[in-house]
Amino acid sequence: MKNLGPRSLALLAAAGITTLAQLRELGAVRAYARVQAVPGHNASLNLLWALEGALSGQPWQAVARDHRLSLLLALDALQDRQTDKTRTTQGPAGPEQHPNHF
């Protein structure tokens, strides 16, 4: 796959992404977030640029230059949604969430 070397492919595989179809279905941002969620796999943002480049056919350097802001905003929004979902499923965190609690 263009833009993705052996290390990138290994990071994707560790996150359960082993086919181009899976990468396309997830998109660059969600795939990058999955890699980041794997303990011990701290990928740099260059992986995000490379994933988008692999999907769009652009060199990762062009993606980093031309699409950096939109990708970072999408990643931030995804992380916010995941944080909100975690809070919702875990319930209230403590007394600060209960105005009538002493």
C-alpha atoms as a PDB file:
ATOM      1  CA  MET A   1       0.000   0.000   0.000  1.00  0.00           C
ATOM      2  CA  LYS A   2       1.381   3.391  -0.968  1.00  0.00           C
ATOM      3  CA  ASN A   3       2.665   5.462   1.995  1.00  0.00           C
ATOM      4  CA  LEU A   4       2.612   2.510   4.402  1.00  0.00           C
ATOM      5  CA  GLY A   5       5.818   0.723   5.249  1.00  0.00           C
ATOM      6  CA  PRO A   6       6.409  -2.385   7.353  1.00  0.00           C
ATOM      7  CA  ARG A   7       6.213  -0.530  10.694  1.00  0.00           C
ATOM      8  CA  SER A   8       2.920   1.152   9.769  1.00  0.00           C
ATOM      9  CA  LEU A   9       1.463  -2.155   8.602  1.00  0.00           C
ATOM     10  CA  ALA A  10       2.582  -3.819  11.848  1.00  0.00           C
ATOM     11  CA  LEU A  11       0.900  -1.069  13.905  1.00  0.00           C
ATOM     12  CA  LEU A  12      -2.304  -1.493  11.918  1.00  0.00           C
ATOM     13  CA  ALA A  13      -2.197  -5.273  12.340  1.00  0.00           C
ATOM     14  CA  ALA A  14      -1.756  -4.891  16.103  1.00  0.00           C
ATOM     15  CA  ALA A  15      -4.948  -2.810  16.057  1.00  0.00           C
ATOM     16  CA  GLY A  16      -6.792  -5.514  14.092  1.00  0.00           C
ATOM     17  CA  ILE A  17      -6.647  -3.710  10.746  1.00  0.00           C
ATOM     18  CA  THR A  18      -5.187  -6.106   8.214  1.00  0.00           C
ATOM     19  CA  THR A  19      -6.898  -5.291   4.919  1.00  0.00           C
ATOM     20  CA  LEU A  20      -7.328  -2.267   2.713  1.00  0.00           C
ATOM     21  CA  ALA A  21     -11.092  -2.808   2.927  1.00  0.00           C
ATOM     22  CA  GLN A  22     -10.950  -2.467   6.736  1.00  0.00           C
ATOM     23  CA  LEU A  23      -8.863   0.686   6.418  1.00  0.00           C
ATOM     24  CA  ARG A  24     -11.302   2.154   3.897  1.00  0.00           C
ATOM     25  CA  GLU A  25     -14.274   1.319   6.107  1.00  0.00           C
ATOM     26  CA  LEU A  26     -12.706   2.942   9.161  1.00  0.00           C
ATOM     27  CA  GLY A  27     -11.087   5.874   7.432  1.00  0.00           C
ATOM     28  CA  ALA A  28      -7.733   7.358   8.392  1.00  0.00           C
ATOM     29  CA  VAL A  29      -8.840   9.061  11.606  1.00  0.00           C
ATOM     30  CA  ARG A  30     -10.637   6.080  13.164  1.00  0.00           C
ATOM     31  CA  ALA A  31      -7.853   3.710  12.098  1.00  0.00           C
ATOM     32  CA  TYR A  32      -5.247   6.010  13.671  1.00  0.00           C
ATOM     33  CA  ALA A  33      -7.294   6.192  16.873  1.00  0.00           C
ATOM     34  CA  ARG A  34      -7.446   2.385  16.985  1.00  0.00           C
ATOM     35  CA  VAL A  35      -3.667   2.172  16.672  1.00  0.00           C
ATOM     36  CA  GLN A  36      -3.285   4.745  19.445  1.00  0.00           C
ATOM     37  CA  ALA A  37      -5.575   2.669  21.673  1.00  0.00           C
ATOM     38  CA  VAL A  38      -3.275  -0.364  21.532  1.00  0.00           C
ATOM     39  CA  PRO A  39      -1.153  -0.347  24.697  1.00  0.00           C
ATOM     40  CA  GLY A  40       2.507   0.290  23.949  1.00  0.00           C
ATOM     41  CA  HIS A  41       1.905   1.494  20.394  1.00  0.00           C
ATOM     42  CA  ASN A  42       2.477   5.229  20.373  1.00  0.00           C
ATOM     43  CA  ALA A  43       2.322   6.168  16.721  1.00  0.00           C
ATOM     44  CA  SER A  44       3.224   9.669  15.646  1.00  0.00           C
ATOM     45  CA  LEU A  45       0.933  11.886  13.621  1.00  0.00           C
ATOM     46  CA  ASN A  46       2.975  10.885  10.583  1.00  0.00           C
ATOM     47  CA  LEU A  47       0.966   7.653  10.643  1.00  0.00           C
ATOM     48  CA  LEU A  48      -2.261   9.647  10.351  1.00  0.00           C
ATOM     49  CA  TRP A  49      -0.882  11.527   7.348  1.00  0.00           C
ATOM     50  CA  ALA A  50       0.307   8.234   5.811  1.00  0.00           C
ATOM     51  CA  LEU A  51      -3.073   6.555   6.338  1.00  0.00           C
ATOM     52  CA  GLU A  52      -4.904   9.423   4.683  1.00  0.00           C
ATOM     53  CA  GLY A  53      -2.357   9.381   1.881  1.00  0.00           C
ATOM     54  CA  ALA A  54      -2.834   5.649   1.380  1.00  0.00           C
ATOM     55  CA  LEU A  55      -6.576   6.181   1.071  1.00  0.00           C
ATOM     56  CA  SER A  56      -6.419   9.280  -1.114  1.00  0.00           C
ATOM     57  CA  GLY A  57      -3.397   8.372  -3.228  1.00  0.00           C
ATOM     58  CA  GLN A  58      -1.507  11.487  -2.131  1.00  0.00           C
ATOM     59  CA  PRO A  59       1.996  11.541  -0.681  1.00  0.00           C
ATOM     60  CA  TRP A  60       1.903  11.783   3.114  1.00  0.00           C
ATOM     61  CA  GLN A  61       3.875  15.039   2.943  1.00  0.00           C
ATOM     62  CA  ALA A  62       1.118  16.628   0.840  1.00  0.00           C
ATOM     63  CA  VAL A  63      -1.511  15.348   3.264  1.00  0.00           C
ATOM     64  CA  ALA A  64       0.420  16.811   6.208  1.00  0.00           C
ATOM     65  CA  ARG A  65       0.640  20.148   4.440  1.00  0.00           C
ATOM     66  CA  ASP A  66      -2.834  20.373   2.915  1.00  0.00           C
ATOM     67  CA  HIS A  67      -5.096  18.399   5.254  1.00  0.00           C
ATOM     68  CA  ARG A  68      -3.410  18.662   8.655  1.00  0.00           C
ATOM     69  CA  LEU A  69      -6.036  20.893  10.254  1.00  0.00           C
ATOM     70  CA  SER A  70      -9.080  18.962   9.048  1.00  0.00           C
ATOM     71  CA  LEU A  71      -7.567  15.640  10.141  1.00  0.00           C
ATOM     72  CA  LEU A  72      -6.593  16.976  13.564  1.00  0.00           C
ATOM     73  CA  LEU A  73     -10.064  18.442  14.073  1.00  0.00           C
ATOM     74  CA  ALA A  74     -11.653  15.133  13.078  1.00  0.00           C
ATOM     75  CA  LEU A  75      -9.364  13.270  15.479  1.00  0.00           C
ATOM     76  CA  ASP A  76     -10.180  15.689  18.283  1.00  0.00           C
ATOM     77  CA  ALA A  77     -13.923  15.314  17.636  1.00  0.00           C
ATOM     78  CA  LEU A  78     -13.618  11.506  17.638  1.00  0.00           C
ATOM     79  CA  GLN A  79     -11.704  11.559  20.923  1.00  0.00           C
ATOM     80  CA  ASP A  80     -14.305  13.899  22.448  1.00  0.00           C
ATOM     81  CA  ARG A  81     -17.126  11.529  21.403  1.00  0.00           C
ATOM     82  CA  GLN A  82     -15.251   8.562  22.855  1.00  0.00           C
ATOM     83  CA  THR A  83     -14.671  10.436  26.126  1.00  0.00           C
ATOM     84  CA  ASP A  84     -18.348  11.416  26.332  1.00  0.00           C
ATOM     85  CA  LYS A  85     -19.392   7.822  25.609  1.00  0.00           C
ATOM     86  CA  THR A  86     -17.082   6.536  28.366  1.00  0.00           C
ATOM     87  CA  ARG A  87     -18.529   9.019  30.863  1.00  0.00           C
ATOM     88  CA  THR A  88     -22.066   8.023  29.921  1.00  0.00           C
ATOM     89  CA  THR A  89     -21.456   4.280  30.252  1.00  0.00           C
ATOM     90  CA  GLN A  90     -19.530   4.602  33.527  1.00  0.00           C
ATOM     91  CA  GLY A  91     -22.115   6.806  35.205  1.00  0.00           C
ATOM     92  CA  PRO A  92     -21.452   9.688  37.553  1.00  0.00           C
ATOM     93  CA  ALA A  93     -17.859  10.088  38.640  1.00  0.00           C
ATOM     94  CA  GLY A  94     -18.429  11.479  42.100  1.00  0.00           C
ATOM     95  CA  PRO A  95     -20.122  14.078  44.323  1.00  0.00           C
ATOM     96  CA  GLU A  96     -19.475  16.937  41.898  1.00  0.00           C
ATOM     97  CA  GLN A  97     -22.012  15.308  39.577  1.00  0.00           C
ATOM     98  CA  HIS A  98     -24.716  15.284  42.263  1.00  0.00           C
ATOM     99  CA  PRO A  99     -25.793  18.818  43.255  1.00  0.00           C
ATOM    100  CA  ASN A 100     -27.755  17.556  46.308  1.00  0.00           C
ATOM    101  CA  HIS A 101     -24.890  15.489  47.644  1.00  0.00           C
ATOM    102  CA  PHE A 102     -23.186  16.753  50.826  1.00  0.00           C
END
